[in-house]
Amino acid sequence: MLSKYIDHHKIYLFGLIALAVSLPLSLFTTSVAEIILISNWLLEGKFKQKWDIFRKRKSLWFIGSIYLVHLIGLIFTSNFDYALHDLKIKLPFLILPLVIGTTSEVTRKELKWILVFFISAIMVSTLASTSVLFGIIPYEFHDTRQISLFVDHIRFSLLINIAIFSIFYMLLGKGYKLKKPEFYLYVVVLIWLILFLGLLQALTGILVFMVTSFILFWMYLKEVRHLVLKWFLAVMVITVSFLVISYVTKAVDRFYSVEEVDPDKMDSTTSNGNPYTHILDSKQIENGYYVWIYLCEDELRKEWNKRSTFDFDGKDKLGQDLRHTLIRYLTSKGFRKDSLGMSKLSANDIDFVENGIANYIYGRKYSLYPKLYEVIWQVDVFRRGGNPSGHSITQRILYLEAALGIISDHFWTGVGTGDVKDSFHDYYEKTNSQLDKSWRLRAHNQYLTFLLTFGIIGFLWILFSMVYPAFIEKKWADYLFIMFFIIGFLSMLNEDTLETHIGNSFFSFFYALFLLGTKVNSAKTERD
């Protein structure tokens, strides 16, 4: 009876907006918004009508079967505590498609409000992060990616991508007639979000933006009717692509342009007469200089301890050996590792070393080159047999090796829903992995995680059940769904996107909304 006096569609719309706003701002309110949606769905009743929709809408069957695969995976599970935790994490992928898929679709106007609120929340989060970066908000961080205050920087960068390409939709789509002030506002926000991706230095988000832009450009270039403009845009995109490739190859070439060293002409003592150590077998480099030559640790220790409260033989703020951080930092500046080199360091340099910054390049907050340099450096150290622990790029190589090792032993059935974490632990122990125990993590690849968890049959069924509903719903011509599909599925190459609550909620919400919750191209579904 109460439902007669409640506008459940407005509550539903409020729940969608609340969830969209919460994703970049709060894990807690993300859960609250999901509870609002399911509670409203239950209180609304109309279960016979919803059952009829569910029965006829085959896409819901396939999406729901993904959760069923997780339940079947319990058969092969020994760790039921973790299995129950995983099933709880995956609930949004069961609940949100069911709620959205059995509720009347949102109109074009309502969809616009959902996207506007989402973009506004993204803006709030980016401005808060920028305030931290520029010191307006006092917050200690040691890595630019830590300025993402509310959610993990990778998830945040994916959400920013959704916002960017949603703005493109509102600017260029035929469904919205924007007034000039609104149009220019969206353009300003769009430019800012693209720039902020660079400031955030989330490599996954930047690569996803570039690949998604490239794919969508070629998909929708045919919509440009003016032939000259079409060719101009095509040439421009090809040129930019080659410039990016050229920039990367030049950075690699610059990294490996190393100073020439003649062992017979090297000084054997410092200006104070103390002996240098030259480890010529080591080829570790920083900015084109060899790290382990012209080293006098006695002078370094004495001069460093005069200028800093951090002990030379202790740790920096990141828990690294300060000695090693200082030696790398001096090398990056082209200085010798002795008292003379120490005298050339400014107070700012000392602060960098104390904070664990091992190369002065990393102190450039507003440039992408430090991130590119870091990637090249990590790969170089790994190639030379260095320990990749704590290096976000190269330790993923060992994660992939571990995942493939587990898959080879459990190819057909997988390890089961609850035994993924234990399987990785056992593999690292069995192979005596060089990764430090705190860095012995999971695959960081959702596809491999599905494969090692459920075996080849479960893996193929999950992929089929994610992709086939788009054919049933005829969404392969829908810009918003295609845009999300590219971003979401690219993210799974480098992250266990569905293995955290915020990641699962992000994917489930936009997947269900764009696949099942909108029919903006159908006049029949529009409500005035």
Protein backbone atom coordinates (compact mmCIF):
# COMPACT_ATOMS: atom_id res chain seq x y z
CA MET A 1 0.00 0.00 0.00
CA LEU A 2 2.86 2.36 0.84
CA SER A 3 4.24 1.94 -2.68
CA LYS A 4 1.16 3.71 -4.06
CA TYR A 5 2.39 6.97 -2.48
CA ILE A 6 6.04 6.59 -3.47
CA ASP A 7 7.49 7.51 -6.86
CA HIS A 8 9.82 4.55 -7.21
CA HIS A 9 11.17 5.76 -10.54
CA LYS A 10 12.42 8.97 -8.89
CA ILE A 11 14.04 6.95 -6.11
CA TYR A 12 15.58 4.69 -8.75
CA LEU A 13 16.95 7.72 -10.58
CA PHE A 14 18.25 9.12 -7.28
CA GLY A 15 19.98 5.80 -6.57
CA LEU A 16 21.67 5.81 -9.99
CA ILE A 17 22.86 9.39 -9.50
CA ALA A 18 24.03 8.64 -5.94
CA LEU A 19 26.02 5.65 -7.20
CA ALA A 20 27.51 7.65 -10.07
CA VAL A 21 28.58 10.41 -7.65
CA SER A 22 29.93 7.97 -5.05
CA LEU A 23 32.24 5.99 -7.34
CA PRO A 24 34.98 8.66 -7.47
CA LEU A 25 34.35 9.98 -3.96
CA SER A 26 33.44 7.31 -1.40
CA LEU A 27 33.51 3.55 -1.02
CA PHE A 28 30.99 3.79 1.83
CA THR A 29 28.37 5.79 -0.07
CA THR A 30 28.90 3.51 -3.08
CA SER A 31 27.60 0.67 -0.92
CA VAL A 32 24.79 2.89 0.43
CA ALA A 33 23.68 3.78 -3.11
CA GLU A 34 23.63 0.09 -4.08
CA ILE A 35 21.50 -0.66 -1.01
CA ILE A 36 19.09 2.15 -2.00
CA LEU A 37 18.70 0.66 -5.48
CA ILE A 38 18.02 -2.91 -4.33
CA SER A 39 15.75 -1.76 -1.46
CA ASN A 40 13.68 0.42 -3.79
CA TRP A 41 13.47 -2.47 -6.27
CA LEU A 42 12.15 -4.80 -3.55
CA LEU A 43 9.71 -2.25 -2.07
CA GLU A 44 8.32 -1.44 -5.49
CA GLY A 45 7.00 -4.97 -5.83
CA LYS A 46 5.61 -5.77 -9.29
CA PHE A 47 7.49 -9.05 -9.10
CA LYS A 48 5.28 -10.76 -11.69
CA GLN A 49 6.06 -7.98 -14.15
CA LYS A 50 9.76 -8.12 -13.27
CA TRP A 51 9.76 -11.90 -13.61
CA ASP A 52 8.23 -11.59 -17.08
CA ILE A 53 10.95 -9.09 -18.05
CA PHE A 54 13.65 -11.37 -16.64
CA ARG A 55 12.20 -14.40 -18.41
CA LYS A 56 12.08 -12.64 -21.78
CA ARG A 57 15.33 -10.67 -21.46
CA LYS A 58 17.87 -13.38 -22.23
CA SER A 59 20.83 -11.05 -21.65
CA LEU A 60 20.02 -11.13 -17.91
CA TRP A 61 20.33 -14.91 -17.96
CA PHE A 62 23.84 -14.78 -19.36
CA ILE A 63 24.97 -12.02 -17.00
CA GLY A 64 23.51 -13.88 -14.01
CA SER A 65 25.27 -17.07 -15.10
CA ILE A 66 28.62 -15.36 -14.38
CA TYR A 67 27.74 -15.35 -10.69
CA LEU A 68 26.57 -18.95 -11.05
CA VAL A 69 30.05 -19.88 -12.30
CA HIS A 70 31.44 -18.40 -9.08
CA LEU A 71 29.03 -20.58 -7.08
CA ILE A 72 30.02 -23.67 -9.06
CA GLY A 73 33.64 -22.79 -8.28
CA LEU A 74 32.89 -23.58 -4.64
CA ILE A 75 33.07 -27.29 -5.61
CA PHE A 76 36.85 -26.95 -6.08
CA THR A 77 37.36 -24.62 -3.11
CA SER A 78 39.05 -25.42 0.20
CA ASN A 79 39.22 -21.86 1.59
CA PHE A 80 35.53 -21.04 2.08
CA ASP A 81 36.21 -17.90 4.13
CA TYR A 82 37.88 -16.27 1.15
CA ALA A 83 35.26 -17.72 -1.21
CA LEU A 84 32.47 -16.02 0.73
CA HIS A 85 34.45 -12.78 0.71
CA ASP A 86 34.84 -13.05 -3.08
CA LEU A 87 31.13 -13.79 -3.56
CA LYS A 88 30.30 -10.68 -1.52
CA ILE A 89 32.67 -8.55 -3.62
CA LYS A 90 30.99 -9.83 -6.82
CA LEU A 91 27.41 -9.11 -5.63
CA PRO A 92 27.16 -5.81 -7.58
CA PHE A 93 27.62 -7.76 -10.81
CA LEU A 94 24.59 -9.85 -9.88
CA ILE A 95 22.39 -7.15 -8.32
CA LEU A 96 22.92 -4.08 -10.53
CA PRO A 97 22.15 -5.77 -13.88
CA LEU A 98 19.07 -7.42 -12.30
CA VAL A 99 17.75 -4.13 -10.86
CA ILE A 100 18.58 -2.00 -13.90
CA GLY A 101 17.58 -4.67 -16.40
CA THR A 102 14.08 -5.17 -14.94
CA THR A 103 13.35 -1.47 -14.39
CA SER A 104 12.06 0.89 -17.07
CA GLU A 105 14.87 2.52 -19.02
CA VAL A 106 16.00 6.04 -18.22
CA THR A 107 15.20 8.73 -20.75
CA ARG A 108 17.78 10.74 -22.66
CA LYS A 109 17.25 13.67 -20.29
CA GLU A 110 17.61 11.46 -17.20
CA LEU A 111 20.75 9.87 -18.62
CA LYS A 112 22.20 13.33 -19.15
CA TRP A 113 21.59 14.20 -15.47
CA ILE A 114 23.28 10.96 -14.35
CA LEU A 115 26.32 11.79 -16.50
CA VAL A 116 26.38 15.44 -15.40
CA PHE A 117 26.36 14.49 -11.71
CA PHE A 118 29.03 11.86 -12.35
CA ILE A 119 31.26 14.35 -14.20
CA SER A 120 30.71 16.90 -11.42
CA ALA A 121 31.86 14.35 -8.81
CA ILE A 122 34.91 13.61 -10.92
CA MET A 123 35.66 17.34 -11.06
CA VAL A 124 35.37 17.65 -7.27
CA SER A 125 37.79 14.76 -6.82
CA THR A 126 40.30 16.12 -9.37
CA LEU A 127 40.23 19.58 -7.78
CA ALA A 128 40.82 18.06 -4.33
CA SER A 129 43.75 16.06 -5.74
CA THR A 130 45.18 19.13 -7.45
CA SER A 131 44.94 21.07 -4.18
CA VAL A 132 47.04 18.35 -2.56
CA LEU A 133 49.54 18.41 -5.42
CA PHE A 134 50.05 22.18 -5.12
CA GLY A 135 50.12 22.15 -1.32
CA ILE A 136 46.80 23.96 -0.81
CA ILE A 137 45.50 21.00 1.18
CA PRO A 138 48.18 19.76 3.63
CA TYR A 139 48.63 16.06 2.85
CA GLU A 140 51.91 14.16 2.75
CA PHE A 141 52.53 12.08 -0.36
CA HIS A 142 55.64 10.48 -1.82
CA ASP A 143 54.30 9.64 -5.28
CA THR A 144 52.10 11.80 -7.50
CA ARG A 145 49.65 8.90 -7.86
CA GLN A 146 48.94 9.20 -4.12
CA ILE A 147 47.10 12.50 -4.66
CA SER A 148 44.01 10.43 -5.52
CA LEU A 149 42.38 10.89 -2.12
CA PHE A 150 39.20 8.85 -2.31
CA VAL A 151 39.81 5.81 -4.53
CA ASP A 152 42.81 3.95 -5.92
CA HIS A 153 44.56 6.02 -8.60
CA ILE A 154 44.06 3.39 -11.31
CA ARG A 155 40.32 3.10 -10.67
CA PHE A 156 40.16 6.89 -10.54
CA SER A 157 41.90 7.19 -13.91
CA LEU A 158 39.39 4.75 -15.43
CA LEU A 159 36.49 6.79 -14.05
CA ILE A 160 38.09 9.94 -15.50
CA ASN A 161 38.17 8.20 -18.88
CA ILE A 162 34.46 7.43 -18.62
CA ALA A 163 33.84 11.12 -17.83
CA ILE A 164 36.00 12.33 -20.73
CA PHE A 165 34.29 10.20 -23.35
CA SER A 166 30.86 10.94 -21.88
CA ILE A 167 31.56 14.63 -22.43
CA PHE A 168 32.47 13.87 -26.03
CA TYR A 169 29.08 12.17 -26.32
CA MET A 170 27.23 15.23 -25.05
CA LEU A 171 29.29 17.62 -27.17
CA LEU A 172 29.14 15.75 -30.46
CA GLY A 173 26.11 13.48 -30.10
CA LYS A 174 22.94 14.34 -31.98
CA GLY A 175 20.70 13.81 -28.97
CA TYR A 176 21.61 16.96 -27.04
CA LYS A 177 21.23 20.55 -28.19
CA LEU A 178 23.56 22.50 -25.93
CA LYS A 179 23.44 26.24 -25.41
CA LYS A 180 26.75 28.05 -25.97
CA PRO A 181 27.62 28.58 -22.26
CA GLU A 182 26.96 24.89 -21.54
CA PHE A 183 28.94 23.83 -24.61
CA TYR A 184 31.98 25.92 -23.63
CA LEU A 185 31.76 24.72 -20.03
CA TYR A 186 31.93 21.10 -21.20
CA VAL A 187 34.89 21.93 -23.43
CA VAL A 188 36.78 23.47 -20.48
CA VAL A 189 36.00 20.47 -18.24
CA LEU A 190 37.06 18.10 -21.03
CA ILE A 191 40.43 19.83 -21.48
CA TRP A 192 40.99 19.89 -17.71
CA LEU A 193 40.27 16.17 -17.27
CA ILE A 194 42.67 15.24 -20.08
CA LEU A 195 45.37 17.43 -18.52
CA PHE A 196 44.68 15.96 -15.08
CA LEU A 197 45.25 12.43 -16.40
CA GLY A 198 48.79 13.58 -17.14
CA LEU A 199 49.16 15.14 -13.69
CA LEU A 200 47.94 11.96 -12.01
CA GLN A 201 50.57 9.93 -13.91
CA ALA A 202 48.43 6.78 -13.80
CA LEU A 203 50.00 4.91 -16.70
CA THR A 204 47.04 2.55 -17.07
CA GLY A 205 44.60 5.45 -17.38
CA ILE A 206 46.79 7.30 -19.89
CA LEU A 207 47.20 4.23 -22.11
CA VAL A 208 43.47 3.46 -21.90
CA PHE A 209 42.71 7.05 -22.95
CA MET A 210 45.06 6.85 -25.93
CA VAL A 211 43.85 3.46 -27.15
CA THR A 212 40.17 4.29 -26.62
CA SER A 213 40.57 7.62 -28.44
CA PHE A 214 42.29 5.89 -31.35
CA ILE A 215 39.63 3.16 -31.68
CA LEU A 216 36.64 5.50 -31.32
CA PHE A 217 38.13 7.98 -33.76
CA TRP A 218 38.37 5.46 -36.57
CA MET A 219 34.97 3.98 -35.71
CA TYR A 220 33.17 7.33 -35.94
CA LEU A 221 35.25 9.11 -38.58
CA LYS A 222 32.63 8.11 -41.14
CA GLU A 223 30.17 10.44 -39.37
CA VAL A 224 32.21 13.44 -40.60
CA ARG A 225 30.55 14.42 -43.86
CA HIS A 226 33.03 17.11 -44.98
CA LEU A 227 35.69 15.29 -47.04
CA VAL A 228 38.53 17.79 -46.46
CA LEU A 229 37.88 17.85 -42.70
CA LYS A 230 37.75 14.06 -42.62
CA TRP A 231 41.16 13.75 -44.31
CA PHE A 232 42.63 16.49 -42.11
CA LEU A 233 41.50 14.68 -38.94
CA ALA A 234 42.79 11.34 -40.21
CA VAL A 235 46.22 12.77 -41.05
CA MET A 236 46.35 14.60 -37.72
CA VAL A 237 45.62 11.44 -35.70
CA ILE A 238 48.17 9.41 -37.66
CA THR A 239 50.75 12.18 -37.15
CA VAL A 240 50.08 12.38 -33.40
CA SER A 241 50.39 8.58 -33.16
CA PHE A 242 53.80 8.68 -34.84
CA LEU A 243 54.88 11.57 -32.60
CA VAL A 244 53.98 9.55 -29.50
CA ILE A 245 55.92 6.54 -30.79
CA SER A 246 58.85 8.81 -31.67
CA TYR A 247 58.81 10.37 -28.19
CA VAL A 248 58.94 6.95 -26.52
CA THR A 249 61.74 5.63 -28.76
CA LYS A 250 63.72 8.85 -28.21
CA ALA A 251 63.31 8.45 -24.44
CA VAL A 252 64.62 4.87 -24.65
CA ASP A 253 67.56 5.99 -26.79
CA ARG A 254 68.29 8.82 -24.37
CA PHE A 255 68.23 6.40 -21.42
CA TYR A 256 70.84 4.14 -22.99
CA SER A 257 73.11 6.96 -24.15
CA VAL A 258 75.79 6.28 -21.53
CA GLU A 259 78.98 8.21 -20.76
CA GLU A 260 82.17 6.65 -22.08
CA VAL A 261 84.42 5.30 -19.32
CA ASP A 262 88.07 4.37 -19.82
CA PRO A 263 89.18 2.24 -16.82
CA ASP A 264 92.82 3.22 -17.39
CA LYS A 265 92.08 6.92 -17.08
CA MET A 266 89.72 6.84 -14.07
CA ASP A 267 90.80 8.62 -10.90
CA SER A 268 91.55 6.20 -8.09
CA THR A 269 91.20 8.67 -5.20
CA THR A 270 88.95 11.58 -4.21
CA SER A 271 90.19 15.17 -3.90
CA ASN A 272 90.73 14.34 -0.21
CA GLY A 273 92.98 11.39 -1.07
CA ASN A 274 90.46 8.68 -0.10
CA PRO A 275 90.15 5.66 -2.40
CA TYR A 276 87.29 5.34 -4.87
CA THR A 277 85.37 2.12 -5.44
CA HIS A 278 84.72 1.32 -9.12
CA ILE A 279 82.44 -1.67 -9.79
CA LEU A 280 82.91 -1.85 -13.52
CA ASP A 281 80.95 -5.09 -13.91
CA SER A 282 77.74 -3.34 -12.85
CA LYS A 283 75.96 -1.63 -15.74
CA GLN A 284 73.23 0.03 -13.67
CA ILE A 285 72.72 3.56 -14.95
CA GLU A 286 70.91 6.76 -14.03
CA ASN A 287 70.48 9.46 -16.70
CA GLY A 288 73.32 7.99 -18.74
CA TYR A 289 75.83 7.71 -15.85
CA TYR A 290 77.07 4.48 -14.28
CA VAL A 291 75.93 4.18 -10.68
CA TRP A 292 78.72 2.13 -9.14
CA ILE A 293 81.81 4.09 -10.12
CA TYR A 294 83.48 7.02 -8.35
CA LEU A 295 82.07 5.87 -5.03
CA CYS A 296 83.56 6.72 -1.64
CA GLU A 297 81.08 5.66 1.02
CA ASP A 298 83.18 6.92 3.96
CA GLU A 299 83.00 10.48 2.66
CA LEU A 300 79.33 10.12 1.76
CA ARG A 301 78.43 8.83 5.22
CA LYS A 302 80.32 11.63 6.98
CA GLU A 303 78.91 14.47 4.84
CA TRP A 304 75.38 13.10 4.68
CA ASN A 305 75.09 12.68 8.46
CA LYS A 306 76.16 16.31 8.86
CA ARG A 307 73.25 17.54 6.73
CA SER A 308 70.39 15.19 7.59
CA THR A 309 68.74 13.61 10.61
CA PHE A 310 68.22 10.47 8.53
CA ASP A 311 71.05 8.01 9.11
CA PHE A 312 73.15 7.18 6.03
CA ASP A 313 72.98 3.50 6.99
CA GLY A 314 69.24 3.65 7.74
CA LYS A 315 66.08 3.93 5.67
CA ASP A 316 64.44 6.76 3.74
CA LYS A 317 60.74 7.58 4.10
CA LEU A 318 59.79 4.86 1.63
CA GLY A 319 61.61 2.21 3.63
CA GLN A 320 64.44 1.89 1.09
CA ASP A 321 68.12 1.82 2.02
CA LEU A 322 68.96 5.53 2.17
CA ARG A 323 72.54 4.77 1.14
CA HIS A 324 71.31 3.32 -2.14
CA THR A 325 68.85 6.18 -2.74
CA LEU A 326 71.60 8.77 -2.21
CA ILE A 327 74.08 7.01 -4.50
CA ARG A 328 71.49 6.82 -7.30
CA TYR A 329 70.48 10.45 -6.77
CA LEU A 330 74.03 11.76 -6.98
CA THR A 331 74.57 9.68 -10.10
CA SER A 332 71.42 11.10 -11.71
CA LYS A 333 72.90 14.59 -11.29
CA GLY A 334 76.19 13.50 -12.85
CA PHE A 335 78.05 14.02 -9.54
CA ARG A 336 80.70 11.77 -8.05
CA LYS A 337 79.69 9.91 -4.88
CA ASP A 338 82.08 11.67 -2.52
CA SER A 339 82.29 14.78 -0.32
CA LEU A 340 82.54 17.05 -3.37
CA GLY A 341 79.37 15.55 -4.86
CA MET A 342 77.59 15.96 -1.52
CA SER A 343 78.59 19.64 -1.38
CA LYS A 344 76.75 20.23 -4.66
CA LEU A 345 73.41 19.01 -3.29
CA SER A 346 70.92 21.69 -2.32
CA ALA A 347 68.56 21.53 0.66
CA ASN A 348 65.83 20.55 -1.80
CA ASP A 349 67.98 17.66 -3.05
CA ILE A 350 68.49 16.44 0.52
CA ASP A 351 64.73 16.53 1.03
CA PHE A 352 64.20 14.49 -2.14
CA VAL A 353 66.60 11.79 -0.97
CA GLU A 354 65.00 11.64 2.48
CA ASN A 355 61.64 11.12 0.75
CA GLY A 356 62.98 8.19 -1.25
CA ILE A 357 63.36 9.99 -4.58
CA ALA A 358 66.36 8.32 -6.19
CA ASN A 359 66.58 10.47 -9.33
CA TYR A 360 66.12 14.22 -9.59
CA ILE A 361 63.91 13.65 -12.64
CA TYR A 362 61.26 12.10 -10.37
CA GLY A 363 60.95 15.44 -8.61
CA ARG A 364 59.24 16.94 -11.65
CA LYS A 365 55.60 16.81 -10.59
CA TYR A 366 54.09 18.22 -13.75
CA SER A 367 55.78 16.16 -16.45
CA LEU A 368 55.07 12.75 -17.97
CA TYR A 369 58.73 12.10 -18.75
CA PRO A 370 59.58 10.96 -15.18
CA LYS A 371 56.91 8.24 -15.43
CA LEU A 372 58.25 7.10 -18.81
CA TYR A 373 61.81 7.17 -17.46
CA GLU A 374 60.73 5.11 -14.44
CA VAL A 375 59.21 2.44 -16.70
CA ILE A 376 62.39 2.21 -18.81
CA TRP A 377 64.52 2.09 -15.65
CA GLN A 378 62.43 -0.68 -14.10
CA VAL A 379 62.67 -2.78 -17.26
CA ASP A 380 66.43 -2.19 -17.45
CA VAL A 381 66.99 -3.22 -13.82
CA PHE A 382 64.82 -6.32 -14.30
CA ARG A 383 66.72 -7.32 -17.46
CA ARG A 384 69.94 -7.15 -15.48
CA GLY A 385 68.58 -9.49 -12.82
CA GLY A 386 67.49 -6.90 -10.26
CA ASN A 387 64.71 -7.52 -7.74
CA PRO A 388 61.45 -6.07 -9.13
CA SER A 389 59.77 -5.80 -5.69
CA GLY A 390 57.99 -2.48 -5.38
CA HIS A 391 58.39 -1.72 -9.08
CA SER A 392 54.84 -1.57 -10.39
CA ILE A 393 55.68 -2.45 -14.00
CA THR A 394 58.23 -5.23 -13.79
CA GLN A 395 56.78 -7.06 -10.79
CA ARG A 396 53.71 -7.61 -12.95
CA ILE A 397 55.88 -9.84 -15.14
CA LEU A 398 56.37 -12.18 -12.20
CA TYR A 399 52.65 -11.97 -11.40
CA LEU A 400 51.91 -13.14 -14.94
CA GLU A 401 54.48 -15.92 -14.64
CA ALA A 402 52.85 -17.07 -11.40
CA ALA A 403 49.37 -16.96 -12.96
CA LEU A 404 50.49 -18.98 -15.99
CA GLY A 405 52.20 -21.49 -13.70
CA ILE A 406 48.99 -21.97 -11.70
CA ILE A 407 46.94 -22.24 -14.90
CA SER A 408 49.18 -24.99 -16.27
CA ASP A 409 48.47 -27.07 -13.16
CA HIS A 410 44.70 -26.38 -13.09
CA PHE A 411 43.84 -25.80 -16.74
CA TRP A 412 40.48 -27.57 -16.87
CA THR A 413 38.83 -26.89 -13.52
CA GLY A 414 40.78 -23.98 -12.05
CA VAL A 415 41.64 -23.66 -8.37
CA GLY A 416 38.12 -22.72 -7.28
CA THR A 417 36.44 -19.52 -6.12
CA GLY A 418 38.18 -19.28 -2.75
CA ASP A 419 41.68 -20.63 -3.42
CA VAL A 420 43.15 -17.95 -5.70
CA LYS A 421 45.13 -16.14 -2.98
CA ASP A 422 46.36 -19.42 -1.47
CA SER A 423 47.43 -20.70 -4.89
CA PHE A 424 49.59 -17.64 -5.50
CA HIS A 425 51.12 -17.96 -2.03
CA ASP A 426 51.95 -21.63 -2.64
CA TYR A 427 53.42 -20.87 -6.07
CA TYR A 428 55.70 -18.12 -4.76
CA GLU A 429 56.90 -20.37 -1.94
CA LYS A 430 57.42 -23.37 -4.24
CA THR A 431 59.42 -21.36 -6.79
CA ASN A 432 61.30 -19.38 -4.12
CA SER A 433 60.22 -16.15 -5.82
CA GLN A 434 62.62 -13.22 -5.66
CA LEU A 435 59.67 -10.96 -4.86
CA ASP A 436 59.59 -9.74 -1.26
CA LYS A 437 56.68 -11.30 0.63
CA SER A 438 54.81 -8.00 0.86
CA TRP A 439 54.81 -7.81 -2.96
CA ARG A 440 53.67 -11.36 -3.70
CA LEU A 441 50.32 -10.41 -5.16
CA ARG A 442 47.78 -11.74 -7.63
CA ALA A 443 47.81 -11.72 -11.44
CA HIS A 444 46.80 -8.07 -12.03
CA ASN A 445 45.05 -9.39 -15.13
CA GLN A 446 41.34 -10.16 -14.82
CA TYR A 447 41.33 -12.57 -17.76
CA LEU A 448 44.09 -14.72 -16.27
CA THR A 449 42.39 -14.52 -12.87
CA PHE A 450 39.18 -15.95 -14.37
CA LEU A 451 41.17 -18.64 -16.19
CA LEU A 452 43.12 -19.84 -13.17
CA THR A 453 40.03 -19.62 -10.92
CA PHE A 454 37.48 -21.46 -13.08
CA GLY A 455 39.52 -23.27 -15.71
CA ILE A 456 39.20 -22.94 -19.47
CA ILE A 457 35.49 -23.79 -19.68
CA GLY A 458 34.48 -21.35 -16.93
CA PHE A 459 36.75 -18.67 -18.42
CA LEU A 460 35.28 -18.96 -21.92
CA TRP A 461 31.72 -18.99 -20.57
CA ILE A 462 32.33 -15.81 -18.53
CA LEU A 463 33.75 -13.97 -21.55
CA PHE A 464 30.89 -15.18 -23.75
CA SER A 465 28.33 -14.11 -21.11
CA MET A 466 29.83 -10.62 -20.94
CA VAL A 467 30.01 -10.07 -24.70
CA TYR A 468 26.95 -11.87 -26.09
CA PRO A 469 24.35 -9.72 -24.23
CA ALA A 470 25.53 -6.74 -26.32
CA PHE A 471 24.38 -8.64 -29.43
CA ILE A 472 21.04 -9.49 -27.81
CA GLU A 473 20.50 -5.86 -26.79
CA LYS A 474 21.82 -4.57 -30.15
CA LYS A 475 24.32 -2.29 -28.45
CA TRP A 476 27.25 -2.52 -30.86
CA ALA A 477 26.00 0.70 -32.51
CA ASP A 478 25.63 2.51 -29.18
CA TYR A 479 28.49 4.95 -28.54
CA LEU A 480 28.21 4.93 -24.74
CA PHE A 481 28.26 1.15 -24.49
CA ILE A 482 31.12 0.77 -26.97
CA MET A 483 33.10 3.46 -25.14
CA PHE A 484 32.61 1.74 -21.80
CA PHE A 485 33.27 -1.70 -23.28
CA ILE A 486 36.67 -0.59 -24.60
CA ILE A 487 37.67 1.12 -21.33
CA GLY A 488 36.40 -1.69 -19.09
CA PHE A 489 37.90 -4.55 -21.06
CA LEU A 490 41.23 -2.76 -21.58
CA SER A 491 41.46 -2.21 -17.83
CA MET A 492 41.22 -5.97 -17.29
CA LEU A 493 44.49 -6.48 -19.17
CA ASN A 494 46.45 -4.67 -16.45
CA GLU A 495 44.24 -4.99 -13.37
CA ASP A 496 42.03 -7.44 -11.49
CA THR A 497 39.22 -4.98 -12.13
CA LEU A 498 36.43 -7.13 -10.70
CA GLU A 499 38.31 -8.30 -7.59
CA THR A 500 37.74 -5.17 -5.47
CA HIS A 501 34.45 -3.62 -4.39
CA ILE A 502 35.02 -0.25 -6.07
CA GLY A 503 36.34 -1.88 -9.26
CA ASN A 504 33.42 -4.29 -9.42
CA SER A 505 30.91 -1.52 -8.71
CA PHE A 506 32.47 0.70 -11.40
CA PHE A 507 32.29 -2.05 -14.00
CA SER A 508 28.87 -3.40 -12.99
CA PHE A 509 27.21 0.03 -12.85
CA PHE A 510 28.28 1.33 -16.24
CA TYR A 511 27.97 -2.08 -17.90
CA ALA A 512 24.36 -2.45 -16.67
CA LEU A 513 23.43 1.21 -17.26
CA PHE A 514 24.70 1.44 -20.84
CA LEU A 515 23.72 -2.11 -21.81
CA LEU A 516 20.36 -2.53 -20.06
CA GLY A 517 19.29 0.81 -18.61
CA THR A 518 19.08 3.06 -21.67
CA LYS A 519 17.45 3.02 -25.05
CA VAL A 520 18.20 6.59 -25.93
CA ASN A 521 18.01 5.88 -29.66
CA SER A 522 14.43 4.62 -29.40
CA ALA A 523 11.70 7.26 -29.45
CA LYS A 524 9.30 4.81 -27.81
CA THR A 525 11.23 4.88 -24.56
CA GLU A 526 11.41 8.64 -24.22
CA ARG A 527 9.35 10.13 -21.39
CA ASP A 528 8.64 13.85 -21.42
